[in-house]
Amino acid sequence: MFKLVLSGLVAALLVTMLFAGTVAAHSIEDVEAMVAELAESEYYSPELCMRYLEYKQQRVEVISYTVVKGDTLIGISERFGVSLATISESNKIENPNLIRVGQQLHFPEVSGLLYTVVQGDELTALADKYEVEYEAIWFANSLDSEELVPGTRLVIPGAKLPDPLLRARSVSRGGSHVNCGFIWPLLGKLSSTYGMRRGSFHWGIDIIGRVGAPIYAVAGGVVTSAGWAGTYGYMVALEHKSGISTLYAHATRLNVTIGDRVSQGDVIAYVGSTGHSTGPHLHFEVKVNGRYVNPLSRLP
């Protein structure tokens, strides 16, 4: 019955565009009363129709974006003003450093989660799970009923989500891969990999980042070096367990000193272009028992 009422509203809503100054509903009870009145009435009051239209137009929009060459997930999140977790979790991206040209991304225009309803979902349970107010989900989606249809996409504004940088995943990038429990020190496009480069060997990887972006410790450890290091510019070195050490170079500013103990995910420095550098980026190296290894074989 209500679907028929809504289809009939299409013509009525055209009339309501001539009216102004009405006020949208301010509570769930108001919405339920308004919807009930629309479903039961044979006369569509222009004021009521306008209120319903205003209510529907207040929903949080979903952004659809196609990845282009040079994009990074963190760059996209900054461009649209949402958290990295919003895009990562809404699109089920396990490794936020790996996106491909042409990939379709869908995420809400505010930080939170774009969630697809499954059988058995209830609004109260979703609100509890993601630590948000029940009303926040209701109004962000301009709902008419508590009944959720499987396959429907819901925006959950302000949803509490895991930090992609702290969620180590064992996703191989080819070659021999060892799960060290590392996280990425910086999310960005790789500009240089481990191996021969312009006639000499490049002992690490280069990750492009904006000046001042935080650089994270890939694992817990002790700071063994922190300061100016010639061609490396401002640099931090960490000693981890099992004979593993890591190095972070070309920083604009350091956040630690020698002897500091750091935990995984701590900000140890900030991206810069100091030393022998052609632009802002992080040069990252890994050694095992004093011998260089390809960092990509240790990263998730």
Protein backbone atom coordinates (compact mmCIF):
# COMPACT_ATOMS: atom_id res chain seq x y z
CA MET A 1 0.00 0.00 0.00
CA PHE A 2 2.71 2.48 1.01
CA LYS A 3 4.65 1.85 -2.21
CA LEU A 4 1.55 2.90 -4.14
CA VAL A 5 1.26 6.01 -2.01
CA LEU A 6 4.89 6.91 -2.69
CA SER A 7 4.44 6.47 -6.44
CA GLY A 8 1.44 8.77 -6.25
CA LEU A 9 3.56 11.31 -4.46
CA VAL A 10 5.66 11.93 -7.56
CA ALA A 11 3.00 14.13 -9.12
CA ALA A 12 2.15 15.73 -5.81
CA LEU A 13 5.76 16.64 -5.13
CA LEU A 14 5.84 18.66 -8.34
CA VAL A 15 3.14 20.85 -6.84
CA THR A 16 5.05 21.24 -3.58
CA MET A 17 7.99 22.86 -5.34
CA LEU A 18 5.82 26.01 -5.46
CA PHE A 19 5.69 26.15 -1.68
CA ALA A 20 8.42 27.30 0.67
CA GLY A 21 9.05 27.85 4.36
CA THR A 22 8.00 24.41 5.61
CA VAL A 23 9.99 22.56 8.28
CA ALA A 24 11.31 18.98 8.00
CA ALA A 25 10.69 16.40 10.72
CA HIS A 26 12.91 16.67 13.79
CA SER A 27 12.42 13.26 15.42
CA ILE A 28 11.83 9.62 14.50
CA GLU A 29 8.30 9.93 15.93
CA ASP A 30 7.62 12.86 13.58
CA VAL A 31 8.78 10.80 10.61
CA GLU A 32 6.68 7.79 11.55
CA ALA A 33 3.60 9.98 11.98
CA MET A 34 4.25 11.70 8.67
CA VAL A 35 4.69 8.41 6.81
CA ALA A 36 1.55 6.96 8.42
CA GLU A 37 -0.44 10.01 7.37
CA LEU A 38 0.80 9.75 3.80
CA ALA A 39 -0.07 6.06 3.68
CA GLU A 40 -3.58 6.50 5.03
CA SER A 41 -4.68 9.76 3.45
CA GLU A 42 -6.39 10.10 0.08
CA TYR A 43 -5.43 13.79 -0.10
CA TYR A 44 -1.77 14.73 -0.34
CA SER A 45 -1.37 17.98 1.56
CA PRO A 46 1.23 20.15 -0.24
CA GLU A 47 2.76 21.04 3.13
CA LEU A 48 3.02 17.40 4.14
CA CYS A 49 4.51 16.45 0.79
CA MET A 50 7.08 19.22 1.09
CA ARG A 51 8.02 18.05 4.58
CA TYR A 52 8.51 14.53 3.24
CA LEU A 53 10.60 15.79 0.33
CA GLU A 54 12.80 17.89 2.64
CA TYR A 55 13.25 14.93 4.94
CA LYS A 56 14.38 12.65 2.09
CA GLN A 57 16.79 15.28 0.78
CA GLN A 58 18.69 15.51 4.06
CA ARG A 59 20.21 12.04 3.73
CA VAL A 60 24.00 11.63 3.59
CA GLU A 61 25.10 11.11 0.00
CA VAL A 62 27.34 8.30 -1.24
CA ILE A 63 30.38 9.23 -3.32
CA SER A 64 31.39 7.06 -6.27
CA TYR A 65 34.98 7.52 -7.44
CA THR A 66 37.10 5.82 -10.09
CA VAL A 67 40.81 5.47 -9.30
CA VAL A 68 43.10 7.17 -11.82
CA LYS A 69 46.85 6.95 -12.38
CA GLY A 70 48.80 8.48 -9.51
CA ASP A 71 46.01 8.10 -6.95
CA THR A 72 46.69 6.88 -3.43
CA LEU A 73 44.05 5.96 -0.90
CA ILE A 74 45.28 8.55 1.57
CA GLY A 75 45.25 11.20 -1.17
CA ILE A 76 41.66 10.34 -2.08
CA SER A 77 40.62 10.48 1.58
CA GLU A 78 42.17 13.94 1.97
CA ARG A 79 40.57 15.17 -1.26
CA PHE A 80 37.08 14.23 -0.09
CA GLY A 81 37.62 15.07 3.59
CA VAL A 82 36.88 11.62 5.00
CA SER A 83 39.01 9.24 7.04
CA LEU A 84 41.23 6.63 5.44
CA ALA A 85 39.27 3.95 7.31
CA THR A 86 36.02 5.21 5.76
CA ILE A 87 37.20 4.36 2.24
CA SER A 88 39.14 1.25 3.23
CA GLU A 89 36.35 -0.39 5.25
CA SER A 90 33.51 0.69 2.94
CA ASN A 91 35.25 -1.05 0.04
CA LYS A 92 36.72 -3.99 1.99
CA ILE A 93 40.29 -3.05 1.05
CA GLU A 94 42.67 -5.25 3.05
CA ASN A 95 45.87 -3.48 2.04
CA PRO A 96 45.28 0.29 1.72
CA ASN A 97 48.55 0.67 -0.17
CA LEU A 98 47.23 -1.42 -3.04
CA ILE A 99 44.62 0.16 -5.30
CA ARG A 100 44.45 -0.12 -9.06
CA VAL A 101 43.61 2.25 -11.90
CA GLY A 102 39.95 1.88 -12.85
CA GLN A 103 38.92 0.53 -9.45
CA GLN A 104 35.48 1.76 -8.35
CA LEU A 105 35.28 3.14 -4.82
CA HIS A 106 32.05 3.91 -2.98
CA PHE A 107 31.99 5.69 0.38
CA PRO A 108 29.87 8.20 2.34
CA GLU A 109 30.53 11.93 2.09
CA VAL A 110 31.23 11.98 5.84
CA SER A 111 33.59 9.81 7.86
CA GLY A 112 31.88 6.56 8.72
CA LEU A 113 30.94 3.35 6.94
CA LEU A 114 28.98 2.41 3.83
CA TYR A 115 27.39 -0.85 4.98
CA THR A 116 25.45 -3.44 2.97
CA VAL A 117 22.55 -4.92 4.91
CA VAL A 118 22.48 -8.71 5.35
CA GLN A 119 19.64 -10.97 6.45
CA GLY A 120 18.87 -10.54 10.13
CA ASP A 121 20.40 -7.07 10.55
CA GLU A 122 18.67 -4.70 12.94
CA LEU A 123 19.26 -0.98 13.40
CA THR A 124 19.82 -1.22 17.15
CA ALA A 125 22.40 -3.99 16.73
CA LEU A 126 24.25 -2.04 14.03
CA ALA A 127 24.26 1.07 16.21
CA ASP A 128 25.75 -0.92 19.10
CA LYS A 129 28.31 -2.66 16.91
CA TYR A 130 29.69 0.57 15.43
CA GLU A 131 29.21 2.64 18.61
CA VAL A 132 26.90 5.27 17.14
CA GLU A 133 23.48 6.60 18.08
CA TYR A 134 20.49 4.76 16.64
CA GLU A 135 19.06 8.08 15.44
CA ALA A 136 22.28 8.90 13.56
CA ILE A 137 21.75 5.93 11.22
CA TRP A 138 18.03 6.66 10.85
CA PHE A 139 18.46 10.28 9.77
CA ALA A 140 21.63 9.77 7.68
CA ASN A 141 19.62 7.41 5.48
CA SER A 142 16.23 9.19 5.71
CA LEU A 143 14.59 5.93 6.73
CA ASP A 144 10.84 5.42 6.82
CA SER A 145 10.89 2.15 8.77
CA GLU A 146 13.04 0.05 11.09
CA GLU A 147 12.76 -2.88 8.67
CA LEU A 148 16.01 -3.38 6.78
CA VAL A 149 16.02 -5.03 3.35
CA PRO A 150 19.04 -7.27 2.62
CA GLY A 151 21.26 -5.72 -0.05
CA THR A 152 20.34 -2.16 0.92
CA ARG A 153 23.30 0.18 1.46
CA LEU A 154 23.30 2.13 4.72
CA VAL A 155 25.51 5.02 5.73
CA ILE A 156 26.67 4.68 9.33
CA PRO A 157 28.10 8.12 10.15
CA GLY A 158 30.86 8.21 12.75
CA ALA A 159 31.20 4.42 12.83
CA LYS A 160 34.12 3.23 14.94
CA LEU A 161 36.44 1.49 12.49
CA PRO A 162 39.87 -0.18 12.75
CA ASP A 163 42.87 1.89 11.69
CA PRO A 164 44.11 0.50 8.34
CA LEU A 165 47.69 1.40 9.27
CA LEU A 166 47.59 -0.76 12.39
CA ARG A 167 45.93 -3.77 10.82
CA ALA A 168 48.76 -5.89 9.47
CA ARG A 169 47.67 -8.23 6.71
CA SER A 170 49.64 -11.04 5.11
CA VAL A 171 49.05 -9.95 1.53
CA SER A 172 51.96 -10.93 -0.70
CA ARG A 173 53.21 -8.52 -3.33
CA GLY A 174 55.09 -11.24 -5.18
CA GLY A 175 58.36 -13.02 -4.51
CA SER A 176 59.34 -14.55 -1.19
CA HIS A 177 57.11 -13.05 1.48
CA VAL A 178 57.71 -13.29 5.22
CA ASN A 179 54.98 -12.14 7.61
CA CYS A 180 56.84 -10.04 10.17
CA GLY A 181 53.70 -8.43 11.51
CA PHE A 182 54.79 -5.10 10.02
CA ILE A 183 52.46 -2.30 9.03
CA TRP A 184 53.23 0.17 6.26
CA PRO A 185 55.30 3.15 7.45
CA LEU A 186 53.50 5.45 4.99
CA LEU A 187 50.68 4.99 2.52
CA GLY A 188 51.51 6.26 -0.94
CA LYS A 189 52.66 5.45 -4.43
CA LEU A 190 55.98 3.62 -4.80
CA SER A 191 58.42 5.72 -6.85
CA SER A 192 61.39 3.36 -6.56
CA THR A 193 61.70 -0.29 -5.60
CA TYR A 194 64.51 -2.42 -4.19
CA GLY A 195 67.20 -3.29 -6.75
CA MET A 196 69.29 -1.77 -9.53
CA ARG A 197 68.48 1.85 -10.33
CA ARG A 198 70.39 4.05 -12.77
CA GLY A 199 73.52 1.94 -12.55
CA SER A 200 73.64 1.50 -8.77
CA PHE A 201 71.81 -0.61 -6.22
CA HIS A 202 68.88 0.92 -4.35
CA TRP A 203 68.79 -0.70 -0.91
CA GLY A 204 65.22 0.21 -0.02
CA ILE A 205 61.91 1.44 -1.39
CA ASP A 206 60.71 5.01 -1.89
CA ILE A 207 57.14 5.96 -0.99
CA ILE A 208 55.80 9.34 -2.15
CA GLY A 209 54.07 11.46 0.48
CA ARG A 210 53.16 15.06 1.16
CA VAL A 211 55.54 17.13 3.31
CA GLY A 212 54.60 16.73 6.97
CA ALA A 213 52.71 13.43 6.57
CA PRO A 214 53.34 11.15 9.56
CA ILE A 215 55.80 8.26 9.27
CA TYR A 216 54.90 5.26 11.44
CA ALA A 217 57.07 2.64 13.14
CA VAL A 218 56.37 -0.61 11.28
CA ALA A 219 56.82 -2.56 14.53
CA GLY A 220 57.81 -2.02 18.12
CA GLY A 221 61.49 -1.46 18.84
CA VAL A 222 64.27 0.80 20.09
CA VAL A 223 65.61 3.91 18.34
CA THR A 224 69.27 3.30 17.52
CA SER A 225 69.80 6.39 15.35
CA ALA A 226 67.97 9.69 14.99
CA GLY A 227 69.37 12.79 13.34
CA TRP A 228 71.12 14.12 10.26
CA ALA A 229 72.73 11.40 8.12
CA GLY A 230 74.21 13.05 5.05
CA THR A 231 72.54 11.87 1.84
CA TYR A 232 69.77 10.30 3.93
CA GLY A 233 68.87 13.70 5.34
CA TYR A 234 67.03 13.47 8.67
CA MET A 235 66.80 9.77 9.44
CA VAL A 236 65.52 7.33 12.08
CA ALA A 237 66.71 3.75 12.56
CA LEU A 238 64.94 1.17 14.73
CA GLU A 239 66.08 -2.16 16.13
CA HIS A 240 63.34 -4.78 16.37
CA LYS A 241 63.26 -8.35 17.67
CA SER A 242 64.75 -11.32 15.80
CA GLY A 243 67.68 -9.33 14.41
CA ILE A 244 65.49 -7.08 12.24
CA SER A 245 66.21 -3.36 11.85
CA THR A 246 64.47 -0.65 9.80
CA LEU A 247 65.51 2.77 8.52
CA TYR A 248 63.39 5.80 7.59
CA ALA A 249 65.10 8.61 5.65
CA HIS A 250 64.61 12.11 4.12
CA ALA A 251 62.31 13.28 6.93
CA THR A 252 61.55 16.94 7.46
CA ARG A 253 61.31 16.50 11.23
CA LEU A 254 61.95 13.72 13.76
CA ASN A 255 59.66 12.75 16.60
CA VAL A 256 62.04 10.48 18.56
CA THR A 257 65.56 10.43 19.98
CA ILE A 258 68.18 7.70 20.42
CA GLY A 259 67.19 5.22 23.12
CA ASP A 260 63.45 5.80 22.85
CA ARG A 261 61.24 2.73 22.86
CA VAL A 262 58.43 2.87 20.32
CA SER A 263 55.35 0.79 19.67
CA GLN A 264 53.96 -0.26 16.32
CA GLY A 265 52.11 2.65 14.75
CA ASP A 266 53.88 5.36 16.75
CA VAL A 267 54.71 8.47 14.72
CA ILE A 268 58.51 8.58 14.58
CA ALA A 269 59.04 11.30 11.95
CA TYR A 270 57.38 13.37 9.23
CA VAL A 271 57.83 13.18 5.46
CA GLY A 272 60.27 15.62 3.92
CA SER A 273 62.82 15.99 1.15
CA THR A 274 66.07 16.41 3.09
CA GLY A 275 69.45 15.06 2.05
CA HIS A 276 69.88 13.69 -1.47
CA SER A 277 66.23 13.75 -2.52
CA THR A 278 64.33 14.74 -5.66
CA GLY A 279 61.04 15.40 -3.88
CA PRO A 280 59.08 14.64 -0.70
CA HIS A 281 59.10 10.91 0.01
CA LEU A 282 60.12 8.26 2.51
CA HIS A 283 63.11 6.03 1.80
CA PHE A 284 62.55 2.82 3.79
CA GLU A 285 65.07 0.00 4.36
CA VAL A 286 64.97 -3.34 6.15
CA LYS A 287 67.91 -5.44 7.37
CA VAL A 288 67.86 -8.94 8.83
CA ASN A 289 70.94 -9.83 10.89
CA GLY A 290 72.78 -6.92 9.29
CA ARG A 291 71.97 -7.86 5.68
CA TYR A 292 69.68 -5.86 3.42
CA VAL A 293 66.43 -7.50 2.30
CA ASN A 294 63.67 -6.30 0.00
CA PRO A 295 61.24 -4.37 2.23
CA LEU A 296 58.30 -5.52 0.09
CA SER A 297 58.98 -9.10 1.20
CA ARG A 298 58.38 -8.07 4.82
CA LEU A 299 55.47 -5.65 4.44
CA PRO A 300 51.84 -6.84 4.45
